[in-house]
Amino acid sequence: MYKRLLVTAAVAMALAAPVSAATINYATGGTQADIPGLTGFATTGAMMDGMQVTACFSASGCQTLSWADTGANSGGVSGNGWGLSVNGDTFSANIWQFFIDPQANVGQLVSLLLDGRSSFTVFDRTNPSPGTPGSANGRDFNTAVGDVIDVTYLNPTAIIPGAPVGDLFQQVLIEFRPGVTGGPSGPRSSFTFSQDTDNDIRITQVPEPGSLALLVVGALGLALARRRRG
């Protein structure tokens, strides 16, 4: 089901390519968060397991889902009439793919919250650059859809024992402002956006089923070899 959604999403986004850039207002807030360090600056869609994604629509309300990896470098969520996925390094432009099923009648996307607190995922902004040691360059949220978008980065993040540098945050809230007529101005069709992420050193990578099976077979083979030598 998830793979079918991703294929449909790719087709829908090809047919609904944005033609103009949105006006984006950036802000920060929340309380300071402390982490022990970063794993490195290259983070893929498979490295954000457990991130909470909340999407709110004008016609169907809000839904919160937990991010899960779907491949060696990919991950995402699949909701009721919508989905979000990343395949590759989040520093890449327009790497996040937000799918809206045109048959689901969910309405327009009003807001999107990416909460990395439970997944040890942090959002790395463009400036300051390179910013926090180990984070390298970041990339702000950016997209070419919508009229006016308010983007708020929450929980400025510091590496112990230092203070926040101003580029790392644990959450990002994207809100689409009402249009001129007072109704929602958010997208009602699939679109892409940019946002770089990093992971702190507490992230744990669970071996894929195939890799786990190979480890088990290898361990059994080693045990048999030792028994024969005895």
Foldseek 3Di string as FASTA:
>chain_A
DVVVQVVVLVVQCVVVPFDAWAAEAEAEEAAADEFQFFPAQWAAQQQQFQKWKWWQAPAAGIDIDTKHADDPRKIWDDDQQKIWMAGGTLQDFQRIKIFGHLVRPRHFTFKMKTARPRRQKKWFDQPPAPFAPRNGGWHAKTFRAAYYKYKYFYHQYDHPPDDRRPGIGRMIMIGGAADPVRHGGHDNGMTTIGIHMTGGPVHDDDDDPVVVVVVVVVVVVVVVVVVVVD
